[in-house]
Amino acid sequence: QVQLVESGGGLVQAGGALTLSCKASSNIFSINAMGWYRQTPGKQRELVATIPKRGAANYADSVKGRFDISWISRSTIHLQMNALTLDDTAVYYCNADTRTGEYWGQGTQVTVSS
């Protein structure tokens, strides 16, 4: 199993920036890719960005040019979020795709205010 711990959510004004972190522990060598998804009440969870161990990152069209996902260590990713809008308000979930399955973090709230 892989455990994921998220941090960095909070309240920010529109146009501002926020960085989310996700640290994986246990069996990190089984990880193929990590990423971020988000969900708002009444809606399905949607992809924000993913990054494989090797290769290019993938972004949702709605965040391209504003968000940047990166590895900062073998077990930790960052999601740098810039030019935030009200539509970015959601619970953000970290995801790990591994050889043994898919794992999720507990979620961190991001609220963008006007």
Protein backbone atom coordinates (compact mmCIF):
# COMPACT_ATOMS: atom_id res chain seq x y z
CA GLN A 1 0.00 0.00 0.00
CA VAL A 2 0.91 3.63 -0.52
CA GLN A 3 -0.07 6.32 1.94
CA LEU A 4 -0.56 9.86 0.69
CA VAL A 5 -0.46 12.97 2.85
CA GLU A 6 -1.58 16.28 1.37
CA SER A 7 -0.89 19.78 2.59
CA GLY A 8 -1.12 23.38 1.43
CA GLY A 9 -4.82 23.97 0.95
CA GLY A 10 -6.53 27.06 2.27
CA LEU A 11 -8.26 30.31 1.47
CA VAL A 12 -6.89 32.64 -1.21
CA GLN A 13 -8.22 35.64 -3.12
CA ALA A 14 -8.99 35.41 -6.79
CA GLY A 15 -5.86 36.03 -8.81
CA GLY A 16 -3.68 34.68 -6.06
CA ALA A 17 -1.50 31.60 -5.83
CA LEU A 18 -1.29 28.48 -3.71
CA THR A 19 0.96 25.42 -3.64
CA LEU A 20 -0.28 21.96 -2.77
CA SER A 21 2.07 19.20 -1.68
CA CYS A 22 1.57 15.46 -1.60
CA LYS A 23 4.00 13.09 0.03
CA ALA A 24 3.83 9.36 -0.55
CA SER A 25 5.14 6.83 1.94
CA SER A 26 5.53 3.05 1.79
CA ASN A 27 6.22 1.22 -1.45
CA ILE A 28 7.10 4.42 -3.28
CA PHE A 29 9.07 2.41 -5.83
CA SER A 30 5.80 0.93 -7.05
CA ILE A 31 4.51 4.35 -8.11
CA ASN A 32 4.08 4.91 -11.86
CA ALA A 33 2.57 8.38 -11.66
CA MET A 34 1.05 10.85 -9.23
CA GLY A 35 -1.42 13.60 -9.70
CA TRP A 36 -4.18 15.83 -8.44
CA TYR A 37 -7.91 15.63 -8.89
CA ARG A 38 -10.61 17.91 -7.54
CA GLN A 39 -14.25 17.66 -6.61
CA THR A 40 -17.06 20.08 -5.80
CA PRO A 41 -20.41 19.15 -4.22
CA GLY A 42 -22.73 17.38 -6.64
CA LYS A 43 -20.07 16.91 -9.27
CA GLN A 44 -17.78 14.06 -10.24
CA ARG A 45 -14.14 14.12 -9.31
CA GLU A 46 -12.14 15.57 -12.20
CA LEU A 47 -8.53 15.45 -13.25
CA VAL A 48 -6.41 18.52 -12.60
CA ALA A 49 -2.91 17.33 -13.48
CA THR A 50 -0.86 14.16 -13.48
CA ILE A 51 2.84 13.49 -13.84
CA PRO A 52 4.52 10.16 -14.54
CA LYS A 53 7.85 9.11 -13.04
CA ARG A 54 9.27 9.68 -16.51
CA GLY A 55 7.64 11.79 -19.18
CA ALA A 56 5.56 14.87 -19.57
CA ALA A 57 2.84 16.09 -17.27
CA ASN A 58 -0.79 16.15 -18.33
CA TYR A 59 -3.16 19.01 -17.47
CA ALA A 60 -6.87 19.66 -17.67
CA ASP A 61 -7.63 22.33 -20.25
CA SER A 62 -9.07 24.54 -17.52
CA VAL A 63 -5.75 24.81 -15.70
CA LYS A 64 -3.23 24.79 -18.55
CA GLY A 65 -0.90 27.75 -18.36
CA ARG A 66 -1.88 28.46 -14.74
CA PHE A 67 -0.97 25.29 -12.83
CA ASP A 68 2.33 23.46 -12.74
CA ILE A 69 2.88 19.96 -11.36
CA SER A 70 6.35 18.71 -10.53
CA TRP A 71 8.34 16.12 -8.60
CA ILE A 72 10.38 17.63 -5.83
CA SER A 73 11.65 14.27 -4.62
CA ARG A 74 11.07 10.59 -5.40
CA SER A 75 8.06 10.61 -3.12
CA THR A 76 6.67 14.14 -3.21
CA ILE A 77 4.90 16.24 -5.80
CA HIS A 78 3.93 19.87 -5.81
CA LEU A 79 1.05 21.56 -7.58
CA GLN A 80 1.77 25.25 -8.06
CA MET A 81 -1.52 27.02 -8.72
CA ASN A 82 -1.42 30.57 -10.10
CA ALA A 83 -4.06 33.05 -11.24
CA LEU A 84 -6.69 31.24 -9.22
CA THR A 85 -10.35 31.81 -10.02
CA LEU A 86 -13.58 31.12 -8.17
CA ASP A 87 -14.02 28.02 -10.36
CA ASP A 88 -10.89 26.50 -8.79
CA THR A 89 -12.65 26.20 -5.44
CA ALA A 90 -12.86 22.49 -4.62
CA VAL A 91 -11.50 19.69 -2.49
CA TYR A 92 -8.24 18.61 -4.07
CA TYR A 93 -7.22 14.96 -3.84
CA CYS A 94 -3.77 13.53 -4.39
CA ASN A 95 -3.62 10.31 -6.41
CA ALA A 96 -0.94 7.68 -6.89
CA ASP A 97 -1.09 5.18 -9.71
CA THR A 98 1.02 2.17 -8.76
CA ARG A 99 1.78 -1.35 -9.89
CA THR A 100 -0.53 -2.63 -7.16
CA GLY A 101 -3.42 -0.25 -7.60
CA GLU A 102 -4.63 3.30 -7.23
CA TYR A 103 -4.46 5.25 -3.98
CA TRP A 104 -5.98 8.50 -2.78
CA GLY A 105 -5.21 11.08 -0.15
CA GLN A 106 -7.78 12.41 2.28
CA GLY A 107 -8.30 15.65 0.36
CA THR A 108 -7.48 19.27 1.07
CA GLN A 109 -9.86 22.20 0.66
CA VAL A 110 -8.96 25.07 -1.64
CA THR A 111 -11.29 28.06 -1.46
CA VAL A 112 -10.91 31.04 -3.77
CA SER A 113 -12.72 34.19 -2.68
CA SER A 114 -13.68 37.24 -4.70
